[in-house]
Amino acid sequence: MKKRIMNALENFSKAMLQPLMYLSVGGLILAIGALITNSAISSALPFLKWAPIQILGNLMYQTIYVIVNNLAVLFVVGIPAAMAKKDKHHAGLIGLMSYLMYLTTSNVLLSSMGKLAEPSEMLGLIGTGQTEILGIQCVDMSVFGGIILGCLVAYVYNRTYNKRFEGAMQIFSGVRFSFLIMIFVSIIFGIVGNLVWPVIQSGISALAGVISGSGAFGLFLYGFLERLLIPTGLHHLVYTPFQFSDLGGVLQLGDNTVAGAYAIAMTELNMPEVTKMSDSIYYMAIGFTKMFGYIGIVAAFIHTARPENKKRIRATLIPLVITSCIAGITEPIDFMFIFAAPMLFVLHAAIAGLFIALLKIFNVTAFCGGNIITSFLTNLAAGTEKTNWPMMYVLAVIQIIVYFVLFSFLIKKFDLKTPGREAVDVSASETDVAAPAAETKKDSKTNAVTANIASLVEGLGGKENINSTENCFTRLRVNVKDPSLLKDELINKVPNSGIVKKDNDIQIVFGLQVAEVRNAVEDYLKTI
């Protein structure tokens, strides 16, 4: 039982990473777009104000941001495709169609019951518990909805894709039967989501009153919940009431009333007569960890990665942490360890909340919203007396160190499968991990790696012994019928960095060329 659970968790973790692997590239493009369109930078570099450059920068930012803003779609397609035992493209397609049916179910129910929220001029649907996904207004289950439905699709697909019927019922055979089942599963999921999720949302909203009257502890709770609820999408219900309603404070300016932390902060920053920002500014401090804390998290992941993975992990994570600092987008990093190491994510939320409380304790009223560049320039313009911004950077350094030390310790102590630690099973014995065929250099050309594919297939027991082939970032994953048929000496004719055997699951470490190896194996299998 334990073995089945562990295998299921490993497969789920692997499936979660598949949609995220592209975001290290996309995140870098997004960050460059944010820099080009940043008003402070374009003021310092006037040539950036040229209209074609601004259009290019905006395109770079928006075309990637739409992907980040629709991670649920990536998961509902990517998870079934990664977990499917056969015909993965059909699983991904059924996942997409199931998601559209779920969104439509939610919309039809809201419309039929007269509960469709009206978007406000300033916030749109933020704070209403609803959102618009792919043009369909529905209950906002955020990324969580895509992940849950993606897992349901994978489960149903793997148990129904090979179902066969005779006669007139033959039309429902195979993957069409999987789709038929998912029609009803998607509708039920939409109904349950509409009934259950608003109750959860109401509970989160009710905490807002507790937070506002609890001083420094309330700020801790505010920051803690804002990070902890990222995978559910409910974090919007934590910060929105404070930033955009009178729950975040009220500023009276003659006959005009300014309500909400965001409006108050923007107003006070531009008022020379204000000598110190009001406490409303702390509700804007959820950007503090985005700008600084993730540097410590990523440094810990790189530091604790296995030696053979450090180069790959640096290339993957550094663009993502730049994206966090410059664009405030953290989900690509968050989802790399939310499910692989949930205890770290809870600790992460606690540290984020703690440092918002520390900002108040140390009387720091600096602007922590936006991004690291805007924050610096805004605080510099506002002045030290008004913001006490130098202390913010002292706390920033401390937060980075705290993240790095605690994460590094816990990852090593509990052997957590954070990015870069998944390539070699530490429990594998010397008989489990075969020695490399030769001490190949890391920069070996792809044609050298993909040579002798016939020997690799033969070493895996031949075509009839291979159930499936997959790959993650660095490993070729092969499920075989009979592990006793394996021949390491034949496998090692294709240069690799090790073989990990877990019963019928075989993992061969090829590095970044693994996709080419898998394609070569699958192409060869079609010819024999």
Protein backbone atom coordinates (compact mmCIF):
# COMPACT_ATOMS: atom_id res chain seq x y z
CA MET A 1 0.00 0.00 0.00
CA LYS A 2 2.78 2.40 0.97
CA LYS A 3 4.59 1.60 -2.25
CA ARG A 4 1.49 2.37 -4.34
CA ILE A 5 0.97 5.68 -2.56
CA MET A 6 4.61 6.69 -3.01
CA ASN A 7 4.52 5.76 -6.71
CA ALA A 8 1.31 7.75 -7.17
CA LEU A 9 2.82 10.79 -5.45
CA GLU A 10 5.96 10.54 -7.56
CA ASN A 11 3.93 10.32 -10.76
CA PHE A 12 1.81 13.29 -9.69
CA SER A 13 4.90 15.36 -8.86
CA LYS A 14 6.40 14.50 -12.23
CA ALA A 15 3.16 15.41 -14.00
CA MET A 16 3.02 18.76 -12.19
CA LEU A 17 6.48 19.69 -13.45
CA GLN A 18 5.71 19.02 -17.12
CA PRO A 19 3.66 22.21 -17.72
CA LEU A 20 6.08 24.28 -15.63
CA MET A 21 9.25 23.36 -17.52
CA TYR A 22 8.54 25.97 -20.19
CA LEU A 23 8.14 28.84 -17.76
CA SER A 24 11.85 29.25 -17.04
CA VAL A 25 12.20 30.48 -20.63
CA GLY A 26 8.91 32.36 -20.62
CA GLY A 27 9.67 33.98 -17.27
CA LEU A 28 12.87 35.51 -18.57
CA ILE A 29 11.07 36.99 -21.58
CA LEU A 30 8.35 38.33 -19.28
CA ALA A 31 10.95 39.96 -17.01
CA ILE A 32 12.65 41.63 -19.97
CA GLY A 33 9.28 42.95 -21.14
CA ALA A 34 8.59 44.33 -17.66
CA LEU A 35 11.94 46.13 -17.62
CA ILE A 36 11.43 47.67 -21.05
CA THR A 37 7.99 49.03 -20.13
CA ASN A 38 8.96 50.17 -16.63
CA SER A 39 8.44 53.94 -16.49
CA ALA A 40 11.37 54.52 -14.12
CA ILE A 41 13.80 52.71 -16.43
CA SER A 42 12.47 54.37 -19.58
CA SER A 43 12.89 57.77 -17.91
CA ALA A 44 16.56 56.97 -17.27
CA LEU A 45 16.98 55.53 -20.78
CA PRO A 46 14.87 57.78 -23.06
CA PHE A 47 15.43 55.64 -26.16
CA LEU A 48 13.19 52.99 -24.56
CA LYS A 49 10.25 55.40 -24.89
CA TRP A 50 10.32 54.93 -28.68
CA ALA A 51 6.87 53.54 -29.54
CA PRO A 52 8.07 50.37 -31.39
CA ILE A 53 10.25 49.41 -28.42
CA GLN A 54 7.39 49.98 -25.97
CA ILE A 55 5.07 47.88 -28.14
CA LEU A 56 7.69 45.11 -28.28
CA GLY A 57 8.17 45.22 -24.52
CA ASN A 58 4.43 45.12 -23.93
CA LEU A 59 4.08 42.17 -26.29
CA MET A 60 6.88 40.30 -24.52
CA TYR A 61 5.20 40.87 -21.17
CA GLN A 62 1.58 40.25 -22.11
CA THR A 63 2.10 37.18 -24.31
CA ILE A 64 3.87 35.36 -21.47
CA TYR A 65 1.67 36.75 -18.71
CA VAL A 66 -1.39 35.24 -20.38
CA ILE A 67 0.26 31.83 -19.92
CA VAL A 68 1.02 32.48 -16.26
CA ASN A 69 -2.52 33.77 -15.80
CA ASN A 70 -3.91 30.53 -17.24
CA LEU A 71 -1.83 27.95 -15.40
CA ALA A 72 -5.02 26.01 -14.66
CA VAL A 73 -5.38 25.32 -18.39
CA LEU A 74 -1.78 24.11 -18.59
CA PHE A 75 -2.32 21.74 -15.67
CA VAL A 76 -5.63 20.32 -16.87
CA VAL A 77 -3.97 19.44 -20.18
CA GLY A 78 -0.46 18.63 -18.94
CA ILE A 79 -1.32 16.38 -15.99
CA PRO A 80 -3.45 13.88 -17.95
CA ALA A 81 -0.97 13.88 -20.83
CA ALA A 82 1.93 13.16 -18.45
CA MET A 83 0.10 10.46 -16.47
CA ALA A 84 -1.62 8.68 -19.37
CA LYS A 85 -0.36 5.16 -20.04
CA LYS A 86 -0.99 5.35 -23.78
CA ASP A 87 -1.98 7.86 -26.47
CA LYS A 88 -1.05 10.82 -24.31
CA HIS A 89 -2.27 13.35 -26.83
CA HIS A 90 -5.80 11.99 -26.46
CA ALA A 91 -5.59 12.35 -22.67
CA GLY A 92 -4.47 15.98 -23.00
CA LEU A 93 -7.25 16.75 -25.48
CA ILE A 94 -9.88 15.17 -23.23
CA GLY A 95 -8.45 17.24 -20.36
CA LEU A 96 -8.98 20.47 -22.32
CA MET A 97 -12.52 19.53 -23.36
CA SER A 98 -13.35 18.52 -19.78
CA TYR A 99 -12.14 21.89 -18.51
CA LEU A 100 -14.32 23.74 -21.02
CA MET A 101 -17.33 21.67 -19.92
CA TYR A 102 -16.58 22.34 -16.24
CA LEU A 103 -16.26 26.11 -16.84
CA THR A 104 -19.50 26.15 -18.80
CA THR A 105 -21.31 24.16 -16.10
CA SER A 106 -20.22 26.71 -13.51
CA ASN A 107 -21.32 29.60 -15.74
CA VAL A 108 -24.72 28.08 -16.57
CA LEU A 109 -25.45 27.45 -12.89
CA LEU A 110 -24.47 31.00 -11.89
CA SER A 111 -26.56 32.45 -14.71
CA SER A 112 -29.58 30.25 -14.00
CA MET A 113 -29.54 31.19 -10.32
CA GLY A 114 -29.01 34.89 -11.01
CA LYS A 115 -25.64 34.88 -9.25
CA LEU A 116 -23.35 36.14 -12.01
CA ALA A 117 -21.30 38.92 -10.43
CA GLU A 118 -21.09 42.34 -12.08
CA PRO A 119 -17.47 43.45 -12.60
CA SER A 120 -16.55 46.76 -11.00
CA GLU A 121 -14.89 49.52 -13.02
CA MET A 122 -11.66 49.41 -11.02
CA LEU A 123 -11.28 45.79 -9.91
CA GLY A 124 -13.26 43.83 -12.45
CA LEU A 125 -14.27 40.52 -10.82
CA ILE A 126 -11.55 40.57 -8.16
CA GLY A 127 -13.05 40.03 -4.73
CA THR A 128 -16.35 38.62 -6.03
CA GLY A 129 -15.28 34.97 -5.81
CA GLN A 130 -15.74 34.71 -9.58
CA THR A 131 -13.41 35.09 -12.53
CA GLU A 132 -13.32 34.85 -16.30
CA ILE A 133 -11.34 31.99 -17.82
CA LEU A 134 -11.12 31.54 -21.59
CA GLY A 135 -13.98 34.03 -21.90
CA ILE A 136 -16.27 32.11 -19.52
CA GLN A 137 -17.29 33.68 -16.19
CA CYS A 138 -17.32 31.07 -13.43
CA VAL A 139 -16.63 30.41 -9.75
CA ASP A 140 -12.94 31.15 -9.16
CA MET A 141 -11.22 27.86 -8.25
CA SER A 142 -8.02 29.23 -9.80
CA VAL A 143 -5.19 26.75 -10.46
CA PHE A 144 -6.67 24.33 -7.95
CA GLY A 145 -9.59 23.59 -10.27
CA GLY A 146 -7.28 22.71 -13.14
CA ILE A 147 -5.13 20.45 -10.97
CA ILE A 148 -8.07 18.53 -9.47
CA LEU A 149 -9.83 18.09 -12.80
CA GLY A 150 -6.54 17.12 -14.49
CA CYS A 151 -6.06 14.34 -11.95
CA LEU A 152 -9.65 13.16 -12.45
CA VAL A 153 -9.12 13.02 -16.22
CA ALA A 154 -5.90 11.02 -15.79
CA TYR A 155 -7.62 8.57 -13.41
CA VAL A 156 -10.65 8.04 -15.66
CA TYR A 157 -8.58 7.86 -18.84
CA ASN A 158 -6.17 5.20 -17.60
CA ARG A 159 -9.08 2.99 -16.57
CA THR A 160 -11.26 3.41 -19.62
CA TYR A 161 -9.15 4.15 -22.71
CA ASN A 162 -8.91 0.44 -23.67
CA LYS A 163 -12.61 -0.34 -23.12
CA ARG A 164 -14.15 -2.04 -26.17
CA PHE A 165 -17.79 -2.48 -27.22
CA GLU A 166 -19.36 -4.50 -30.02
CA GLY A 167 -22.08 -3.72 -32.54
CA ALA A 168 -23.87 -0.38 -32.43
CA MET A 169 -22.06 0.53 -29.20
CA GLN A 170 -18.68 0.33 -30.94
CA ILE A 171 -18.68 4.10 -31.41
CA PHE A 172 -18.11 4.45 -27.66
CA SER A 173 -14.99 2.26 -27.63
CA GLY A 174 -11.53 3.39 -26.55
CA VAL A 175 -10.77 7.05 -25.85
CA ARG A 176 -14.30 8.01 -26.89
CA PHE A 177 -15.57 6.09 -23.85
CA SER A 178 -13.13 8.06 -21.69
CA PHE A 179 -14.55 11.28 -23.12
CA LEU A 180 -18.12 10.07 -22.51
CA ILE A 181 -17.38 9.44 -18.83
CA MET A 182 -15.65 12.82 -18.48
CA ILE A 183 -18.73 14.65 -19.79
CA PHE A 184 -20.61 13.62 -16.67
CA VAL A 185 -17.60 13.93 -14.37
CA SER A 186 -17.01 17.50 -15.60
CA ILE A 187 -20.64 18.48 -15.03
CA ILE A 188 -20.63 16.98 -11.53
CA PHE A 189 -17.32 18.70 -10.76
CA GLY A 190 -18.78 22.03 -11.88
CA ILE A 191 -21.87 21.54 -9.70
CA VAL A 192 -19.86 20.55 -6.63
CA GLY A 193 -17.44 23.42 -7.19
CA ASN A 194 -20.27 25.96 -7.34
CA LEU A 195 -21.75 24.61 -4.11
CA VAL A 196 -18.59 24.06 -2.05
CA TRP A 197 -16.12 26.70 -3.17
CA PRO A 198 -18.19 29.79 -2.24
CA VAL A 199 -18.50 28.39 1.30
CA ILE A 200 -14.71 28.15 1.52
CA GLN A 201 -14.41 31.64 0.07
CA SER A 202 -16.82 33.00 2.70
CA GLY A 203 -14.74 31.47 5.46
CA ILE A 204 -11.60 33.13 4.15
CA SER A 205 -13.37 36.49 3.82
CA ALA A 206 -14.58 36.22 7.43
CA LEU A 207 -10.97 36.11 8.58
CA ALA A 208 -10.45 39.63 7.24
CA GLY A 209 -12.20 41.13 10.26
CA VAL A 210 -10.00 39.13 12.63
CA ILE A 211 -6.86 40.21 10.78
CA SER A 212 -7.70 43.93 10.83
CA GLY A 213 -8.10 44.02 14.62
CA SER A 214 -5.11 41.91 15.65
CA GLY A 215 -2.12 44.24 15.24
CA ALA A 216 1.20 42.62 14.36
CA PHE A 217 -0.28 39.13 14.73
CA GLY A 218 -3.01 40.11 12.28
CA LEU A 219 -0.34 41.17 9.78
CA PHE A 220 1.41 37.83 10.27
CA LEU A 221 -1.87 36.02 9.60
CA TYR A 222 -2.46 38.26 6.57
CA GLY A 223 0.90 37.40 5.00
CA PHE A 224 0.69 33.74 6.02
CA LEU A 225 -2.71 33.15 4.41
CA GLU A 226 -1.86 35.19 1.30
CA ARG A 227 1.00 32.80 0.51
CA LEU A 228 -0.56 29.59 1.86
CA LEU A 229 -3.66 29.93 -0.31
CA ILE A 230 -1.77 30.45 -3.57
CA PRO A 231 -2.63 26.97 -4.98
CA THR A 232 -6.34 27.48 -4.32
CA GLY A 233 -6.62 30.99 -5.73
CA LEU A 234 -8.30 32.08 -2.48
CA HIS A 235 -5.37 34.39 -1.65
CA HIS A 236 -7.21 37.07 -3.64
CA LEU A 237 -9.88 37.06 -0.94
CA VAL A 238 -7.23 37.78 1.69
CA TYR A 239 -5.54 40.86 0.27
CA THR A 240 -8.26 42.37 -1.93
CA PRO A 241 -10.53 43.67 0.90
CA PHE A 242 -7.56 45.36 2.57
CA GLN A 243 -6.04 46.87 -0.53
CA PHE A 244 -9.24 48.09 -2.16
CA SER A 245 -11.86 48.69 0.55
CA ASP A 246 -12.16 50.61 3.80
CA LEU A 247 -11.03 47.49 5.67
CA GLY A 248 -7.53 48.62 4.72
CA GLY A 249 -8.04 52.09 6.16
CA VAL A 250 -9.69 55.41 5.34
CA LEU A 251 -7.97 58.73 4.58
CA GLN A 252 -10.02 61.92 4.75
CA LEU A 253 -8.88 64.74 2.46
CA GLY A 254 -11.26 67.63 2.95
CA ASP A 255 -14.51 66.57 1.35
CA ASN A 256 -12.91 63.56 -0.33
CA THR A 257 -12.53 60.13 1.24
CA VAL A 258 -9.80 57.73 0.12
CA ALA A 259 -10.42 54.10 1.10
CA GLY A 260 -8.22 51.02 0.81
CA ALA A 261 -4.51 50.46 1.38
CA TYR A 262 -3.57 50.84 -2.29
CA ALA A 263 -5.35 54.17 -2.79
CA ILE A 264 -4.07 55.51 0.53
CA ALA A 265 -0.46 54.51 -0.23
CA MET A 266 -0.54 56.12 -3.69
CA THR A 267 -2.07 59.27 -2.23
CA GLU A 268 0.34 59.64 0.70
CA LEU A 269 3.41 58.99 -1.45
CA ASN A 270 2.50 62.09 -3.45
CA MET A 271 1.71 64.30 -0.44
CA PRO A 272 4.82 66.27 0.71
CA GLU A 273 3.06 67.28 3.92
CA VAL A 274 2.79 63.62 5.01
CA THR A 275 5.91 62.97 7.10
CA LYS A 276 5.22 59.30 7.73
CA MET A 277 3.17 56.75 5.83
CA SER A 278 0.13 55.40 7.66
CA ASP A 279 -0.21 51.79 8.79
CA SER A 280 -2.30 50.98 5.72
CA ILE A 281 1.01 50.56 3.88
CA TYR A 282 1.56 47.19 5.59
CA TYR A 283 -1.27 45.65 3.59
CA MET A 284 0.79 46.41 0.49
CA ALA A 285 3.76 44.47 1.90
CA ILE A 286 2.85 41.13 0.33
CA GLY A 287 5.33 42.18 -2.36
CA PHE A 288 8.21 42.08 0.15
CA THR A 289 8.75 38.31 -0.06
CA LYS A 290 8.21 38.33 -3.82
CA MET A 291 11.09 40.78 -4.21
CA PHE A 292 13.50 39.22 -1.71
CA GLY A 293 12.42 35.94 -0.13
CA TYR A 294 12.37 33.92 -3.32
CA ILE A 295 16.06 34.71 -3.79
CA GLY A 296 16.74 32.68 -0.64
CA ILE A 297 14.39 29.90 -1.71
CA VAL A 298 16.01 29.51 -5.12
CA ALA A 299 19.51 29.72 -3.62
CA ALA A 300 18.57 26.86 -1.25
CA PHE A 301 17.22 24.75 -4.12
CA ILE A 302 20.40 25.26 -6.14
CA HIS A 303 22.63 24.64 -3.10
CA THR A 304 20.90 21.36 -2.19
CA ALA A 305 20.52 20.07 -5.75
CA ARG A 306 22.54 17.00 -6.59
CA PRO A 307 25.89 17.87 -8.21
CA GLU A 308 24.91 16.49 -11.59
CA ASN A 309 21.78 18.67 -11.59
CA LYS A 310 23.13 22.04 -10.42
CA LYS A 311 23.79 23.40 -13.88
CA ARG A 312 20.29 22.50 -15.07
CA ILE A 313 18.62 23.83 -11.93
CA ARG A 314 20.48 27.15 -12.16
CA ALA A 315 19.36 27.53 -15.77
CA THR A 316 15.76 26.74 -14.80
CA LEU A 317 15.38 28.71 -11.58
CA ILE A 318 17.42 31.88 -12.07
CA PRO A 319 15.08 33.26 -14.79
CA LEU A 320 12.12 32.44 -12.54
CA VAL A 321 13.53 34.30 -9.53
CA ILE A 322 14.25 37.29 -11.78
CA THR A 323 10.60 37.11 -12.82
CA SER A 324 9.55 37.11 -9.17
CA CYS A 325 11.73 40.12 -8.30
CA ILE A 326 10.85 42.18 -11.35
CA ALA A 327 7.30 41.10 -12.21
CA GLY A 328 6.04 39.79 -8.86
CA ILE A 329 5.00 36.48 -10.43
CA THR A 330 5.90 33.56 -8.15
CA GLU A 331 3.60 30.72 -9.21
CA PRO A 332 6.18 28.94 -11.42
CA ILE A 333 8.47 28.57 -8.39
CA ASP A 334 5.63 27.88 -5.94
CA PHE A 335 4.30 24.94 -7.90
CA MET A 336 7.74 23.37 -8.07
CA PHE A 337 7.57 22.55 -4.37
CA ILE A 338 3.99 22.95 -3.11
CA PHE A 339 3.26 19.28 -3.65
CA ALA A 340 6.80 17.89 -3.64
CA ALA A 341 7.58 19.42 -0.22
CA PRO A 342 4.38 20.77 1.41
CA MET A 343 6.09 21.30 4.78
CA LEU A 344 8.42 23.78 3.07
CA PHE A 345 5.49 25.64 1.58
CA VAL A 346 3.82 26.01 4.97
CA LEU A 347 7.13 27.27 6.39
CA HIS A 348 7.41 29.63 3.43
CA ALA A 349 3.97 31.10 4.19
CA ALA A 350 4.92 31.52 7.87
CA ILE A 351 8.17 33.33 7.03
CA ALA A 352 6.35 35.62 4.59
CA GLY A 353 3.81 36.52 7.28
CA LEU A 354 6.50 36.98 9.93
CA PHE A 355 8.38 39.55 7.89
CA ILE A 356 5.28 41.65 7.23
CA ALA A 357 4.82 41.75 11.02
CA LEU A 358 8.52 42.65 11.42
CA LEU A 359 8.09 45.58 9.05
CA LYS A 360 5.57 47.01 11.50
CA ILE A 361 7.62 46.10 14.59
CA PHE A 362 10.66 47.91 13.16
CA ASN A 363 8.56 50.86 12.04
CA VAL A 364 9.26 50.37 8.32
CA THR A 365 6.62 52.10 6.22
CA ALA A 366 8.40 51.67 2.89
CA PHE A 367 6.53 50.83 -0.31
CA CYS A 368 6.87 47.08 -0.97
CA GLY A 369 4.48 46.70 -3.89
CA GLY A 370 5.14 46.46 -7.60
CA ASN A 371 8.66 45.19 -8.22
CA ILE A 372 12.14 45.61 -6.83
CA ILE A 373 13.01 48.49 -9.17
CA THR A 374 9.78 50.46 -8.72
CA SER A 375 9.95 49.90 -4.96
CA PHE A 376 13.50 51.23 -4.72
CA LEU A 377 12.86 54.33 -6.82
CA THR A 378 9.54 55.09 -5.10
CA ASN A 379 11.04 54.84 -1.62
CA LEU A 380 14.08 56.87 -2.66
CA ALA A 381 11.81 59.64 -3.91
CA ALA A 382 9.61 59.53 -0.78
CA GLY A 383 12.59 59.84 1.55
CA THR A 384 13.97 58.00 4.57
CA GLU A 385 11.93 59.87 7.19
CA LYS A 386 8.67 59.03 5.48
CA THR A 387 9.43 55.35 4.81
CA ASN A 388 12.48 54.21 6.86
CA TRP A 389 13.41 52.32 3.69
CA PRO A 390 17.06 51.47 4.62
CA MET A 391 15.70 49.20 7.36
CA MET A 392 13.59 47.43 4.75
CA TYR A 393 16.76 46.27 2.99
CA VAL A 394 18.27 45.11 6.28
CA LEU A 395 15.19 42.95 6.81
CA ALA A 396 15.40 41.84 3.17
CA VAL A 397 18.93 40.48 3.67
CA ILE A 398 17.84 38.75 6.88
CA GLN A 399 14.85 37.17 5.11
CA ILE A 400 17.01 35.84 2.29
CA ILE A 401 19.39 34.28 4.83
CA VAL A 402 16.52 32.80 6.88
CA TYR A 403 15.00 31.17 3.79
CA PHE A 404 18.34 29.84 2.62
CA VAL A 405 19.41 28.39 5.97
CA LEU A 406 16.07 26.86 6.99
CA PHE A 407 15.21 25.48 3.55
CA SER A 408 18.70 24.02 3.04
CA PHE A 409 18.62 22.36 6.47
CA LEU A 410 15.15 20.85 6.08
CA ILE A 411 15.73 19.69 2.50
CA LYS A 412 18.82 17.77 3.55
CA LYS A 413 17.42 16.61 6.90
CA PHE A 414 14.26 15.08 5.42
CA ASP A 415 15.59 14.42 1.91
CA LEU A 416 12.81 16.51 0.39
CA LYS A 417 12.36 16.13 -3.36
CA THR A 418 12.80 19.77 -4.27
CA PRO A 419 14.01 20.77 -7.76
CA GLY A 420 17.32 19.10 -8.56
CA ARG A 421 17.04 16.31 -5.99
CA GLU A 422 14.89 13.94 -7.98
CA ALA A 423 17.42 12.54 -10.44
CA VAL A 424 19.02 9.84 -8.30
CA ASP A 425 17.22 7.92 -5.58
CA VAL A 426 19.36 8.27 -2.45
CA SER A 427 18.08 4.90 -1.24
CA ALA A 428 19.43 3.16 -4.30
CA SER A 429 22.24 0.77 -3.56
CA GLU A 430 25.33 0.24 -5.63
CA THR A 431 23.56 -2.62 -7.40
CA ASP A 432 20.63 -0.32 -8.20
CA VAL A 433 22.70 2.39 -9.84
CA ALA A 434 24.82 1.17 -12.67
CA ALA A 435 28.11 2.89 -13.34
CA PRO A 436 28.20 5.19 -16.35
CA ALA A 437 29.34 3.63 -19.56
CA ALA A 438 32.13 6.14 -19.76
CA GLU A 439 32.98 9.42 -18.09
CA THR A 440 31.24 11.46 -20.74
CA LYS A 441 31.50 15.19 -20.66
CA LYS A 442 28.41 17.18 -19.79
CA ASP A 443 28.57 19.01 -23.10
CA SER A 444 28.47 15.83 -25.23
CA LYS A 445 26.68 16.40 -28.48
CA THR A 446 23.20 14.98 -28.96
CA ASN A 447 24.27 12.68 -31.78
CA ALA A 448 26.77 10.99 -29.45
CA VAL A 449 24.08 10.46 -26.83
CA THR A 450 21.48 9.09 -29.22
CA ALA A 451 23.86 6.65 -30.89
CA ASN A 452 23.36 2.90 -30.39
CA ILE A 453 19.64 3.21 -29.70
CA ALA A 454 19.19 -0.39 -30.83
CA SER A 455 21.52 -1.49 -28.04
CA LEU A 456 19.58 0.59 -25.54
CA VAL A 457 16.28 -1.03 -26.55
CA GLU A 458 17.86 -4.47 -26.45
CA GLY A 459 19.32 -3.67 -23.03
CA LEU A 460 15.81 -2.87 -21.81
CA GLY A 461 14.69 -6.35 -22.82
CA GLY A 462 13.54 -5.58 -26.33
CA LYS A 463 10.37 -4.04 -27.71
CA GLU A 464 8.07 -6.64 -26.13
CA ASN A 465 9.45 -5.90 -22.67
CA ILE A 466 8.81 -2.13 -22.85
CA ASN A 467 5.40 -0.98 -21.58
CA SER A 468 5.94 2.77 -21.85
CA THR A 469 8.58 5.46 -22.25
CA GLU A 470 8.48 8.94 -20.72
CA ASN A 471 10.94 11.61 -19.69
CA CYS A 472 11.29 14.39 -17.15
CA PHE A 473 13.97 17.11 -17.25
CA THR A 474 16.94 14.74 -17.23
CA ARG A 475 15.76 11.12 -17.04
CA LEU A 476 14.36 8.62 -19.50
CA ARG A 477 11.65 6.74 -17.58
CA VAL A 478 10.83 3.29 -18.88
CA ASN A 479 8.28 0.87 -17.46
CA VAL A 480 9.21 -2.71 -18.29
CA LYS A 481 7.36 -6.02 -17.94
CA ASP A 482 10.27 -8.08 -16.61
CA PRO A 483 13.22 -6.29 -14.92
CA SER A 484 15.30 -9.49 -15.02
CA LEU A 485 15.68 -9.05 -18.79
CA LEU A 486 17.68 -5.84 -18.38
CA LYS A 487 21.28 -5.80 -19.59
CA ASP A 488 23.20 -2.86 -18.16
CA GLU A 489 26.17 -3.35 -20.46
CA LEU A 490 23.95 -2.82 -23.52
CA ILE A 491 22.15 0.16 -21.99
CA ASN A 492 25.50 1.75 -21.20
CA LYS A 493 26.51 1.72 -24.86
CA VAL A 494 24.50 4.92 -24.94
CA PRO A 495 26.42 7.38 -22.72
CA ASN A 496 24.49 8.15 -19.53
CA SER A 497 25.09 9.25 -15.96
CA GLY A 498 23.44 6.34 -14.17
CA ILE A 499 20.62 3.83 -14.10
CA VAL A 500 18.06 3.77 -11.27
CA LYS A 501 15.90 0.64 -10.89
CA LYS A 502 12.67 0.61 -8.91
CA ASP A 503 10.97 -2.71 -9.61
CA ASN A 504 9.44 -2.31 -13.09
CA ASP A 505 10.30 1.40 -13.34
CA ILE A 506 13.69 2.12 -14.85
CA GLN A 507 15.19 5.60 -14.93
CA ILE A 508 18.26 6.36 -17.04
CA VAL A 509 19.92 9.73 -16.46
CA PHE A 510 20.79 11.40 -19.79
CA GLY A 511 20.73 15.06 -18.79
CA LEU A 512 19.23 17.79 -20.96
CA GLN A 513 19.44 15.58 -24.08
CA VAL A 514 16.84 13.19 -22.67
CA ALA A 515 14.05 14.41 -24.97
CA GLU A 516 16.13 13.55 -28.03
CA VAL A 517 16.92 10.12 -26.58
CA ARG A 518 13.26 9.39 -25.90
CA ASN A 519 12.29 10.44 -29.43
CA ALA A 520 15.02 8.25 -30.87
CA VAL A 521 13.85 5.27 -28.80
CA GLU A 522 10.21 5.72 -29.81
CA ASP A 523 11.13 6.19 -33.48
CA TYR A 524 13.21 3.01 -33.36
CA LEU A 525 10.42 1.03 -31.69
CA LYS A 526 8.13 1.90 -34.60
CA THR A 527 10.56 0.31 -37.06
CA ILE A 528 10.83 -3.09 -35.39
